[in-house]
Structures are given as structure tokens and as C-alpha cells.
Amino acid sequence: MNVDDLKFNQDGLIPAIVQDATTQQVLMMAWANKESLQLMQEQGETWFWSRSRSELWHKGATSGNTQKITHMYYDCDGDTLLIQVDAAGPACHTGEVSCFFRKLV
């Protein structure tokens, strides 16, 4: 992946969709910046930018529910990431496997 091909928003962020590499279930959505992308490429685990705390966030650093990256893609417009992972536990802070457990329609 060439970071120069990506289109970050006005805040320097890009949405990152995290998907289970085996089941293909969408686990979560978070925001990434150039620094978190560099950490993901170097360490092989998911890192994001927390908008509420204004700091880098290593997924699972506190809970132990880390996400090992198997593949990382970007879409045809270059403005969204898809990160496939092997997850060590639930993605959601509620304990649900996926953050997308509440049905709207």
C-alpha cells in the first residue's frame, strides 16, 4: 500500500473498516491517520486515531483483544480502508464480537 494514494479528510483521517479474515464479518469501524498506518505496517496489529481522546490507540492494548492484520486494502476512491484481521477477542467494548450488533432495518 502506498500511503500517498490515500485520500485523508480535512482532519487528516481516513475511515478504516475492520473485518474478520476468516468469517468475513465486519467487526468495527475506526479512524486512521498517517501515523497509525505506519504503526500498523511496522507492528502488524491495528492502531487507530481516537477522535474523542485525540491520541493514537492500539486496539486491545488494555483489553487484550488485539487484532493481527492479515491484509489491508483501500477502495477504488482511495478514501476508505479495509483491514482484515485475526482477532484475539471481541472487537466491541461491550463484549460483542462485532460493534455492528444492533439491527436498524
PDB file of N, CA and C in Angstrom:
ATOM      1  N   MET A   1       0.844  -1.177   0.000  1.00  0.00           N
ATOM      2  CA  MET A   1       0.000   0.000   0.000  1.00  0.00           C
ATOM      3  C   MET A   1       0.885   1.234   0.000  1.00  0.00           C
ATOM      4  N   ASN A   2       0.546   2.153  -0.866  1.00  0.00           N
ATOM      5  CA  ASN A   2       1.250   3.422  -0.921  1.00  0.00           C
ATOM      6  C   ASN A   2       0.383   4.486  -0.251  1.00  0.00           C
ATOM      7  N   VAL A   3       0.810   4.986   0.879  1.00  0.00           N
ATOM      8  CA  VAL A   3       0.034   5.962   1.648  1.00  0.00           C
ATOM      9  C   VAL A   3      -0.265   7.203   0.812  1.00  0.00           C
ATOM     10  N   ASP A   4       0.585   7.525  -0.143  1.00  0.00           N
ATOM     11  CA  ASP A   4       0.362   8.700  -0.991  1.00  0.00           C
ATOM     12  C   ASP A   4      -0.869   8.543  -1.883  1.00  0.00           C
ATOM     13  N   ASP A   5      -1.333   7.304  -2.090  1.00  0.00           N
ATOM     14  CA  ASP A   5      -2.532   7.057  -2.890  1.00  0.00           C
ATOM     15  C   ASP A   5      -3.819   7.279  -2.094  1.00  0.00           C
ATOM     16  N   LEU A   6      -3.704   7.428  -0.780  1.00  0.00           N
ATOM     17  CA  LEU A   6      -4.880   7.561   0.075  1.00  0.00           C
ATOM     18  C   LEU A   6      -5.345   9.007   0.166  1.00  0.00           C
ATOM     19  N   LYS A   7      -6.660   9.158   0.331  1.00  0.00           N
ATOM     20  CA  LYS A   7      -7.266  10.484   0.468  1.00  0.00           C
ATOM     21  C   LYS A   7      -7.777  10.632   1.897  1.00  0.00           C
ATOM     22  N   PHE A   8      -7.082  11.417   2.676  1.00  0.00           N
ATOM     23  CA  PHE A   8      -7.467  11.682   4.055  1.00  0.00           C
ATOM     24  C   PHE A   8      -8.433  12.866   4.079  1.00  0.00           C
ATOM     25  N   ASN A   9      -9.306  12.919   5.090  1.00  0.00           N
ATOM     26  CA  ASN A   9     -10.231  14.043   5.189  1.00  0.00           C
ATOM     27  C   ASN A   9      -9.513  15.290   5.699  1.00  0.00           C
ATOM     28  N   GLN A  10     -10.259  16.356   5.915  1.00  0.00           N
ATOM     29  CA  GLN A  10      -9.673  17.633   6.331  1.00  0.00           C
ATOM     30  C   GLN A  10      -8.981  17.548   7.685  1.00  0.00           C
ATOM     31  N   ASP A  11      -9.300  16.529   8.469  1.00  0.00           N
ATOM     32  CA  ASP A  11      -8.654  16.329   9.771  1.00  0.00           C
ATOM     33  C   ASP A  11      -7.471  15.366   9.683  1.00  0.00           C
ATOM     34  N   GLY A  12      -7.128  14.935   8.475  1.00  0.00           N
ATOM     35  CA  GLY A  12      -6.011  14.007   8.290  1.00  0.00           C
ATOM     36  C   GLY A  12      -6.364  12.574   8.625  1.00  0.00           C
ATOM     37  N   LEU A  13      -7.659  12.239   8.557  1.00  0.00           N
ATOM     38  CA  LEU A  13      -8.128  10.906   8.934  1.00  0.00           C
ATOM     39  C   LEU A  13      -8.758  10.196   7.747  1.00  0.00           C
ATOM     40  N   ILE A  14      -8.773   8.868   7.846  1.00  0.00           N
ATOM     41  CA  ILE A  14      -9.415   8.024   6.844  1.00  0.00           C
ATOM     42  C   ILE A  14     -10.172   6.921   7.588  1.00  0.00           C
ATOM     43  N   PRO A  15     -11.434   6.615   7.176  1.00  0.00           N
ATOM     44  CA  PRO A  15     -12.169   5.543   7.847  1.00  0.00           C
ATOM     45  C   PRO A  15     -11.536   4.180   7.562  1.00  0.00           C
ATOM     46  N   ALA A  16     -11.515   3.349   8.592  1.00  0.00           N
ATOM     47  CA  ALA A  16     -10.952   2.003   8.482  1.00  0.00           C
ATOM     48  C   ALA A  16     -12.005   0.992   8.931  1.00  0.00           C
ATOM     49  N   ILE A  17     -12.422   0.148   8.014  1.00  0.00           N
ATOM     50  CA  ILE A  17     -13.361  -0.925   8.316  1.00  0.00           C
ATOM     51  C   ILE A  17     -12.531  -2.155   8.659  1.00  0.00           C
ATOM     52  N   VAL A  18     -12.809  -2.755   9.810  1.00  0.00           N
ATOM     53  CA  VAL A  18     -12.066  -3.939  10.250  1.00  0.00           C
ATOM     54  C   VAL A  18     -12.965  -5.158  10.074  1.00  0.00           C
ATOM     55  N   GLN A  19     -12.425  -6.182   9.421  1.00  0.00           N
ATOM     56  CA  GLN A  19     -13.171  -7.382   9.072  1.00  0.00           C
ATOM     57  C   GLN A  19     -12.410  -8.618   9.529  1.00  0.00           C
ATOM     58  N   ASP A  20     -13.143  -9.606  10.046  1.00  0.00           N
ATOM     59  CA  ASP A  20     -12.526 -10.874  10.415  1.00  0.00           C
ATOM     60  C   ASP A  20     -12.040 -11.570   9.147  1.00  0.00           C
ATOM     61  N   ALA A  21     -10.781 -11.937   9.105  1.00  0.00           N
ATOM     62  CA  ALA A  21     -10.178 -12.524   7.908  1.00  0.00           C
ATOM     63  C   ALA A  21     -10.756 -13.896   7.575  1.00  0.00           C
ATOM     64  N   THR A  22     -11.243 -14.616   8.569  1.00  0.00           N
ATOM     65  CA  THR A  22     -11.775 -15.961   8.344  1.00  0.00           C
ATOM     66  C   THR A  22     -13.262 -15.941   8.020  1.00  0.00           C
ATOM     67  N   THR A  23     -14.052 -15.270   8.861  1.00  0.00           N
ATOM     68  CA  THR A  23     -15.513 -15.288   8.702  1.00  0.00           C
ATOM     69  C   THR A  23     -16.025 -14.193   7.778  1.00  0.00           C
ATOM     70  N   GLN A  24     -15.205 -13.184   7.508  1.00  0.00           N
ATOM     71  CA  GLN A  24     -15.582 -12.010   6.711  1.00  0.00           C
ATOM     72  C   GLN A  24     -16.569 -11.088   7.437  1.00  0.00           C
ATOM     73  N   GLN A  25     -16.853 -11.358   8.710  1.00  0.00           N
ATOM     74  CA  GLN A  25     -17.753 -10.498   9.483  1.00  0.00           C
ATOM     75  C   GLN A  25     -17.099  -9.137   9.707  1.00  0.00           C
ATOM     76  N   VAL A  26     -17.883  -8.071   9.502  1.00  0.00           N
ATOM     77  CA  VAL A  26     -17.390  -6.732   9.797  1.00  0.00           C
ATOM     78  C   VAL A  26     -17.364  -6.576  11.311  1.00  0.00           C
ATOM     79  N   LEU A  27     -16.212  -6.208  11.846  1.00  0.00           N
ATOM     80  CA  LEU A  27     -16.039  -6.126  13.294  1.00  0.00           C
ATOM     81  C   LEU A  27     -16.221  -4.721  13.843  1.00  0.00           C
ATOM     82  N   MET A  28     -15.698  -3.739  13.148  1.00  0.00           N
ATOM     83  CA  MET A  28     -15.741  -2.378  13.675  1.00  0.00           C
ATOM     84  C   MET A  28     -15.345  -1.386  12.594  1.00  0.00           C
ATOM     85  N   MET A  29     -15.574  -0.122  12.895  1.00  0.00           N
ATOM     86  CA  MET A  29     -15.087   0.975  12.076  1.00  0.00           C
ATOM     87  C   MET A  29     -14.346   1.911  13.010  1.00  0.00           C
ATOM     88  N   ALA A  30     -13.200   2.386  12.575  1.00  0.00           N
ATOM     89  CA  ALA A  30     -12.424   3.342  13.371  1.00  0.00           C
ATOM     90  C   ALA A  30     -11.729   4.289  12.398  1.00  0.00           C
ATOM     91  N   TRP A  31     -11.071   5.283  12.929  1.00  0.00           N
ATOM     92  CA  TRP A  31     -10.360   6.263  12.113  1.00  0.00           C
ATOM     93  C   TRP A  31      -8.858   6.028  12.195  1.00  0.00           C
ATOM     94  N   ALA A  32      -8.201   6.151  11.048  1.00  0.00           N
ATOM     95  CA  ALA A  32      -6.740   6.025  10.995  1.00  0.00           C
ATOM     96  C   ALA A  32      -6.150   7.334  10.472  1.00  0.00           C
ATOM     97  N   ASN A  33      -4.912   7.588  10.859  1.00  0.00           N
ATOM     98  CA  ASN A  33      -4.155   8.706  10.289  1.00  0.00           C
ATOM     99  C   ASN A  33      -2.828   8.148   9.778  1.00  0.00           C
ATOM    100  N   LYS A  34      -1.980   8.997   9.243  1.00  0.00           N
ATOM    101  CA  LYS A  34      -0.720   8.503   8.668  1.00  0.00           C
ATOM    102  C   LYS A  34       0.149   7.818   9.714  1.00  0.00           C
ATOM    103  N   GLU A  35       0.161   8.346  10.932  1.00  0.00           N
ATOM    104  CA  GLU A  35       0.982   7.747  11.988  1.00  0.00           C
ATOM    105  C   GLU A  35       0.460   6.365  12.377  1.00  0.00           C
ATOM    106  N   SER A  36      -0.855   6.221  12.499  1.00  0.00           N
ATOM    107  CA  SER A  36      -1.406   4.905  12.851  1.00  0.00           C
ATOM    108  C   SER A  36      -1.169   3.899  11.720  1.00  0.00           C
ATOM    109  N   LEU A  37      -1.243   4.354  10.475  1.00  0.00           N
ATOM    110  CA  LEU A  37      -0.942   3.463   9.348  1.00  0.00           C
ATOM    111  C   LEU A  37       0.503   2.985   9.389  1.00  0.00           C
ATOM    112  N   GLN A  38       1.402   3.878   9.721  1.00  0.00           N
ATOM    113  CA  GLN A  38       2.813   3.498   9.825  1.00  0.00           C
ATOM    114  C   GLN A  38       3.002   2.451  10.918  1.00  0.00           C
ATOM    115  N   LEU A  39       2.348   2.645  12.064  1.00  0.00           N
ATOM    116  CA  LEU A  39       2.444   1.677  13.161  1.00  0.00           C
ATOM    117  C   LEU A  39       1.854   0.328  12.758  1.00  0.00           C
ATOM    118  N   MET A  40       0.738   0.349  12.023  1.00  0.00           N
ATOM    119  CA  MET A  40       0.145  -0.908  11.569  1.00  0.00           C
ATOM    120  C   MET A  40       1.098  -1.653  10.645  1.00  0.00           C
ATOM    121  N   GLN A  41       1.731  -0.932   9.731  1.00  0.00           N
ATOM    122  CA  GLN A  41       2.661  -1.571   8.804  1.00  0.00           C
ATOM    123  C   GLN A  41       3.895  -2.104   9.527  1.00  0.00           C
ATOM    124  N   GLU A  42       4.355  -1.392  10.534  1.00  0.00           N
ATOM    125  CA  GLU A  42       5.549  -1.813  11.274  1.00  0.00           C
ATOM    126  C   GLU A  42       5.266  -2.959  12.236  1.00  0.00           C
ATOM    127  N   GLN A  43       4.117  -2.910  12.926  1.00  0.00           N
ATOM    128  CA  GLN A  43       3.849  -3.854  14.007  1.00  0.00           C
ATOM    129  C   GLN A  43       2.890  -4.984  13.646  1.00  0.00           C
ATOM    130  N   GLY A  44       2.114  -4.814  12.572  1.00  0.00           N
ATOM    131  CA  GLY A  44       1.219  -5.881  12.146  1.00  0.00           C
ATOM    132  C   GLY A  44      -0.036  -6.027  12.977  1.00  0.00           C
ATOM    133  N   GLU A  45      -0.355  -5.028  13.789  1.00  0.00           N
ATOM    134  CA  GLU A  45      -1.593  -5.006  14.569  1.00  0.00           C
ATOM    135  C   GLU A  45      -2.287  -3.673  14.330  1.00  0.00           C
ATOM    136  N   THR A  46      -3.593  -3.627  14.640  1.00  0.00           N
ATOM    137  CA  THR A  46      -4.345  -2.409  14.357  1.00  0.00           C
ATOM    138  C   THR A  46      -4.049  -1.292  15.352  1.00  0.00           C
ATOM    139  N   TRP A  47      -3.879  -0.114  14.786  1.00  0.00           N
ATOM    140  CA  TRP A  47      -3.695   1.144  15.511  1.00  0.00           C
ATOM    141  C   TRP A  47      -4.623   2.161  14.866  1.00  0.00           C
ATOM    142  N   PHE A  48      -5.250   2.984  15.686  1.00  0.00           N
ATOM    143  CA  PHE A  48      -6.187   3.973  15.173  1.00  0.00           C
ATOM    144  C   PHE A  48      -5.947   5.319  15.842  1.00  0.00           C
ATOM    145  N   TRP A  49      -6.681   6.320  15.369  1.00  0.00           N
ATOM    146  CA  TRP A  49      -6.667   7.635  15.988  1.00  0.00           C
ATOM    147  C   TRP A  49      -7.986   7.808  16.720  1.00  0.00           C
ATOM    148  N   SER A  50      -7.918   8.062  18.015  1.00  0.00           N
ATOM    149  CA  SER A  50      -9.111   8.313  18.813  1.00  0.00           C
ATOM    150  C   SER A  50      -9.476   9.786  18.698  1.00  0.00           C
ATOM    151  N   ARG A  51     -10.622  10.065  18.083  1.00  0.00           N
ATOM    152  CA  ARG A  51     -11.060  11.458  17.952  1.00  0.00           C
ATOM    153  C   ARG A  51     -11.471  12.037  19.298  1.00  0.00           C
ATOM    154  N   SER A  52     -12.051  11.216  20.166  1.00  0.00           N
ATOM    155  CA  SER A  52     -12.503  11.728  21.464  1.00  0.00           C
ATOM    156  C   SER A  52     -11.344  12.020  22.409  1.00  0.00           C
ATOM    157  N   ARG A  53     -10.276  11.222  22.325  1.00  0.00           N
ATOM    158  CA  ARG A  53      -9.128  11.425  23.215  1.00  0.00           C
ATOM    159  C   ARG A  53      -7.965  12.146  22.535  1.00  0.00           C
ATOM    160  N   SER A  54      -8.071  12.335  21.235  1.00  0.00           N
ATOM    161  CA  SER A  54      -7.009  12.975  20.438  1.00  0.00           C
ATOM    162  C   SER A  54      -5.654  12.311  20.664  1.00  0.00           C
ATOM    163  N   GLU A  55      -5.654  10.969  20.524  1.00  0.00           N
ATOM    164  CA  GLU A  55      -4.404  10.224  20.685  1.00  0.00           C
ATOM    165  C   GLU A  55      -4.463   8.924  19.899  1.00  0.00           C
ATOM    166  N   LEU A  56      -3.278   8.371  19.643  1.00  0.00           N
ATOM    167  CA  LEU A  56      -3.198   7.066  19.000  1.00  0.00           C
ATOM    168  C   LEU A  56      -3.751   6.004  19.933  1.00  0.00           C
ATOM    169  N   TRP A  57      -4.316   4.964  19.343  1.00  0.00           N
ATOM    170  CA  TRP A  57      -4.987   3.917  20.097  1.00  0.00           C
ATOM    171  C   TRP A  57      -4.607   2.565  19.502  1.00  0.00           C
ATOM    172  N   HIS A  58      -3.931   1.745  20.295  1.00  0.00           N
ATOM    173  CA  HIS A  58      -3.577   0.379  19.894  1.00  0.00           C
ATOM    174  C   HIS A  58      -4.719  -0.521  20.315  1.00  0.00           C
ATOM    175  N   LYS A  59      -5.473  -1.025  19.360  1.00  0.00           N
ATOM    176  CA  LYS A  59      -6.637  -1.853  19.662  1.00  0.00           C
ATOM    177  C   LYS A  59      -6.208  -3.066  20.479  1.00  0.00           C
ATOM    178  N   GLY A  60      -6.833  -3.217  21.650  1.00  0.00           N
ATOM    179  CA  GLY A  60      -6.560  -4.358  22.513  1.00  0.00           C
ATOM    180  C   GLY A  60      -5.449  -4.145  23.518  1.00  0.00           C
ATOM    181  N   ALA A  61      -4.827  -2.970  23.532  1.00  0.00           N
ATOM    182  CA  ALA A  61      -3.722  -2.716  24.468  1.00  0.00           C
ATOM    183  C   ALA A  61      -4.181  -2.858  25.913  1.00  0.00           C
ATOM    184  N   THR A  62      -5.399  -2.455  26.199  1.00  0.00           N
ATOM    185  CA  THR A  62      -5.935  -2.549  27.561  1.00  0.00           C
ATOM    186  C   THR A  62      -6.673  -3.864  27.783  1.00  0.00           C
ATOM    187  N   SER A  63      -7.525  -4.243  26.825  1.00  0.00           N
ATOM    188  CA  SER A  63      -8.390  -5.417  26.984  1.00  0.00           C
ATOM    189  C   SER A  63      -7.703  -6.737  26.648  1.00  0.00           C
ATOM    190  N   GLY A  64      -6.643  -6.674  25.861  1.00  0.00           N
ATOM    191  CA  GLY A  64      -6.011  -7.899  25.371  1.00  0.00           C
ATOM    192  C   GLY A  64      -6.617  -8.391  24.066  1.00  0.00           C
ATOM    193  N   ASN A  65      -7.661  -7.712  23.595  1.00  0.00           N
ATOM    194  CA  ASN A  65      -8.350  -8.110  22.366  1.00  0.00           C
ATOM    195  C   ASN A  65      -7.686  -7.478  21.141  1.00  0.00           C
ATOM    196  N   THR A  66      -6.434  -7.846  20.934  1.00  0.00           N
ATOM    197  CA  THR A  66      -5.674  -7.289  19.821  1.00  0.00           C
ATOM    198  C   THR A  66      -6.167  -7.860  18.494  1.00  0.00           C
ATOM    199  N   GLN A  67      -5.775  -7.193  17.423  1.00  0.00           N
ATOM    200  CA  GLN A  67      -6.154  -7.609  16.078  1.00  0.00           C
ATOM    201  C   GLN A  67      -4.893  -7.700  15.223  1.00  0.00           C
ATOM    202  N   LYS A  68      -4.555  -8.917  14.831  1.00  0.00           N
ATOM    203  CA  LYS A  68      -3.380  -9.135  13.972  1.00  0.00           C
ATOM    204  C   LYS A  68      -3.805  -8.963  12.514  1.00  0.00           C
ATOM    205  N   ILE A  69      -3.138  -8.076  11.817  1.00  0.00           N
ATOM    206  CA  ILE A  69      -3.500  -7.763  10.433  1.00  0.00           C
ATOM    207  C   ILE A  69      -3.024  -8.869   9.495  1.00  0.00           C
ATOM    208  N   THR A  70      -3.964  -9.364   8.666  1.00  0.00           N
ATOM    209  CA  THR A  70      -3.614 -10.340   7.641  1.00  0.00           C
ATOM    210  C   THR A  70      -3.515  -9.673   6.270  1.00  0.00           C
ATOM    211  N   HIS A  71      -4.414  -8.738   5.997  1.00  0.00           N
ATOM    212  CA  HIS A  71      -4.420  -7.995   4.735  1.00  0.00           C
ATOM    213  C   HIS A  71      -4.953  -6.590   4.985  1.00  0.00           C
ATOM    214  N   MET A  72      -4.508  -5.659   4.161  1.00  0.00           N
ATOM    215  CA  MET A  72      -5.020  -4.302   4.228  1.00  0.00           C
ATOM    216  C   MET A  72      -5.241  -3.813   2.795  1.00  0.00           C
ATOM    217  N   TYR A  73      -6.446  -3.310   2.540  1.00  0.00           N
ATOM    218  CA  TYR A  73      -6.820  -2.827   1.211  1.00  0.00           C
ATOM    219  C   TYR A  73      -7.324  -1.393   1.317  1.00  0.00           C
ATOM    220  N   TYR A  74      -7.351  -0.704   0.185  1.00  0.00           N
ATOM    221  CA  TYR A  74      -8.069   0.565   0.128  1.00  0.00           C
ATOM    222  C   TYR A  74      -9.004   0.525  -1.069  1.00  0.00           C
ATOM    223  N   ASP A  75     -10.088   1.292  -0.994  1.00  0.00           N
ATOM    224  CA  ASP A  75     -11.119   1.220  -2.021  1.00  0.00           C
ATOM    225  C   ASP A  75     -10.719   1.977  -3.288  1.00  0.00           C
ATOM    226  N   CYS A  76     -11.584   1.890  -4.298  1.00  0.00           N
ATOM    227  CA  CYS A  76     -11.293   2.461  -5.613  1.00  0.00           C
ATOM    228  C   CYS A  76     -11.115   3.974  -5.580  1.00  0.00           C
ATOM    229  N   ASP A  77     -11.718   4.641  -4.608  1.00  0.00           N
ATOM    230  CA  ASP A  77     -11.566   6.093  -4.475  1.00  0.00           C
ATOM    231  C   ASP A  77     -10.381   6.475  -3.601  1.00  0.00           C
ATOM    232  N   GLY A  78      -9.821   5.500  -2.900  1.00  0.00           N
ATOM    233  CA  GLY A  78      -8.682   5.768  -2.024  1.00  0.00           C
ATOM    234  C   GLY A  78      -9.049   6.481  -0.739  1.00  0.00           C
ATOM    235  N   ASP A  79     -10.361   6.445  -0.384  1.00  0.00           N
ATOM    236  CA  ASP A  79     -10.774   7.194   0.800  1.00  0.00           C
ATOM    237  C   ASP A  79     -11.323   6.332   1.937  1.00  0.00           C
ATOM    238  N   THR A  80     -11.175   5.019   1.827  1.00  0.00           N
ATOM    239  CA  THR A  80     -11.602   4.105   2.891  1.00  0.00           C
ATOM    240  C   THR A  80     -10.682   2.891   2.899  1.00  0.00           C
ATOM    241  N   LEU A  81     -10.332   2.438   4.100  1.00  0.00           N
ATOM    242  CA  LEU A  81      -9.501   1.248   4.263  1.00  0.00           C
ATOM    243  C   LEU A  81     -10.353   0.053   4.654  1.00  0.00           C
ATOM    244  N   LEU A  82      -9.942  -1.123   4.228  1.00  0.00           N
ATOM    245  CA  LEU A  82     -10.495  -2.387   4.696  1.00  0.00           C
ATOM    246  C   LEU A  82      -9.326  -3.167   5.276  1.00  0.00           C
ATOM    247  N   ILE A  83      -9.416  -3.469   6.562  1.00  0.00           N
ATOM    248  CA  ILE A  83      -8.337  -4.177   7.246  1.00  0.00           C
ATOM    249  C   ILE A  83      -8.863  -5.535   7.695  1.00  0.00           C
ATOM    250  N   GLN A  84      -8.295  -6.596   7.162  1.00  0.00           N
ATOM    251  CA  GLN A  84      -8.680  -7.942   7.567  1.00  0.00           C
ATOM    252  C   GLN A  84      -7.746  -8.404   8.671  1.00  0.00           C
ATOM    253  N   VAL A  85      -8.344  -9.004   9.705  1.00  0.00           N
ATOM    254  CA  VAL A  85      -7.581  -9.338  10.907  1.00  0.00           C
ATOM    255  C   VAL A  85      -7.915 -10.726  11.432  1.00  0.00           C
ATOM    256  N   ASP A  86      -6.987 -11.247  12.227  1.00  0.00           N
ATOM    257  CA  ASP A  86      -7.244 -12.360  13.131  1.00  0.00           C
ATOM    258  C   ASP A  86      -7.370 -11.719  14.502  1.00  0.00           C
ATOM    259  N   ALA A  87      -8.563 -11.782  15.069  1.00  0.00           N
ATOM    260  CA  ALA A  87      -8.835 -11.100  16.332  1.00  0.00           C
ATOM    261  C   ALA A  87      -8.613 -12.027  17.523  1.00  0.00           C
ATOM    262  N   ALA A  88      -8.005 -11.484  18.573  1.00  0.00           N
ATOM    263  CA  ALA A  88      -7.743 -12.248  19.796  1.00  0.00           C
ATOM    264  C   ALA A  88      -8.939 -12.244  20.741  1.00  0.00           C
ATOM    265  N   GLY A  89      -9.991 -11.531  20.380  1.00  0.00           N
ATOM    266  CA  GLY A  89     -11.180 -11.440  21.221  1.00  0.00           C
ATOM    267  C   GLY A  89     -12.189 -10.521  20.573  1.00  0.00           C
ATOM    268  N   PRO A  90     -13.249 -10.180  21.305  1.00  0.00           N
ATOM    269  CA  PRO A  90     -14.290  -9.315  20.756  1.00  0.00           C
ATOM    270  C   PRO A  90     -13.741  -7.955  20.319  1.00  0.00           C
ATOM    271  N   ALA A  91     -14.318  -7.418  19.258  1.00  0.00           N
ATOM    272  CA  ALA A  91     -13.905  -6.094  18.783  1.00  0.00           C
ATOM    273  C   ALA A  91     -14.584  -4.981  19.572  1.00  0.00           C
ATOM    274  N   CYS A  92     -15.803  -5.238  20.025  1.00  0.00           N
ATOM    275  CA  CYS A  92     -16.598  -4.186  20.663  1.00  0.00           C
ATOM    276  C   CYS A  92     -16.312  -4.072  22.159  1.00  0.00           C
ATOM    277  N   HIS A  93     -16.312  -2.835  22.644  1.00  0.00           N
ATOM    278  CA  HIS A  93     -16.077  -2.597  24.072  1.00  0.00           C
ATOM    279  C   HIS A  93     -17.201  -3.160  24.940  1.00  0.00           C
ATOM    280  N   THR A  94     -18.361  -3.514  24.312  1.00  0.00           N
ATOM    281  CA  THR A  94     -19.478  -4.094  25.063  1.00  0.00           C
ATOM    282  C   THR A  94     -19.283  -5.587  25.309  1.00  0.00           C
ATOM    283  N   GLY A  95     -18.282  -6.169  24.632  1.00  0.00           N
ATOM    284  CA  GLY A  95     -18.056  -7.608  24.728  1.00  0.00           C
ATOM    285  C   GLY A  95     -18.618  -8.371  23.542  1.00  0.00           C
ATOM    286  N   GLU A  96     -19.358  -7.684  22.671  1.00  0.00           N
ATOM    287  CA  GLU A  96     -19.868  -8.313  21.448  1.00  0.00           C
ATOM    288  C   GLU A  96     -18.708  -8.538  20.479  1.00  0.00           C
ATOM    289  N   VAL A  97     -18.811  -9.584  19.686  1.00  0.00           N
ATOM    290  CA  VAL A  97     -17.768  -9.890  18.702  1.00  0.00           C
ATOM    291  C   VAL A  97     -17.594  -8.718  17.739  1.00  0.00           C
ATOM    292  N   SER A  98     -18.713  -8.163  17.284  1.00  0.00           N
ATOM    293  CA  SER A  98     -18.714  -7.047  16.347  1.00  0.00           C
ATOM    294  C   SER A  98     -19.381  -5.835  16.983  1.00  0.00           C
ATOM    295  N   CYS A  99     -18.947  -4.662  16.597  1.00  0.00           N
ATOM    296  CA  CYS A  99     -19.616  -3.434  17.045  1.00  0.00           C
ATOM    297  C   CYS A  99     -20.964  -3.266  16.342  1.00  0.00           C
ATOM    298  N   PHE A 100     -21.180  -4.026  15.265  1.00  0.00           N
ATOM    299  CA  PHE A 100     -22.420  -3.938  14.494  1.00  0.00           C
ATOM    300  C   PHE A 100     -23.376  -5.051  14.907  1.00  0.00           C
ATOM    301  N   PHE A 101     -23.926  -4.937  16.115  1.00  0.00           N
ATOM    302  CA  PHE A 101     -24.842  -5.964  16.617  1.00  0.00           C
ATOM    303  C   PHE A 101     -26.257  -5.432  16.807  1.00  0.00           C
ATOM    304  N   ARG A 102     -26.466  -4.134  16.590  1.00  0.00           N
ATOM    305  CA  ARG A 102     -27.805  -3.546  16.739  1.00  0.00           C
ATOM    306  C   ARG A 102     -28.425  -3.333  15.358  1.00  0.00           C
ATOM    307  N   LYS A 103     -29.518  -4.045  15.098  1.00  0.00           N
ATOM    308  CA  LYS A 103     -30.163  -4.006  13.787  1.00  0.00           C
ATOM    309  C   LYS A 103     -31.067  -2.785  13.671  1.00  0.00           C
ATOM    310  N   LEU A 104     -30.968  -2.086  12.557  1.00  0.00           N
ATOM    311  CA  LEU A 104     -31.786  -0.906  12.307  1.00  0.00           C
ATOM    312  C   LEU A 104     -32.987  -1.246  11.427  1.00  0.00           C
ATOM    313  N   VAL A 105     -32.775  -2.006  10.378  1.00  0.00           N
ATOM    314  CA  VAL A 105     -33.865  -2.386   9.465  1.00  0.00           C
ATOM    315  C   VAL A 105     -33.842  -3.895   9.286  1.00  0.00           C
TER     316      VAL A 105
END
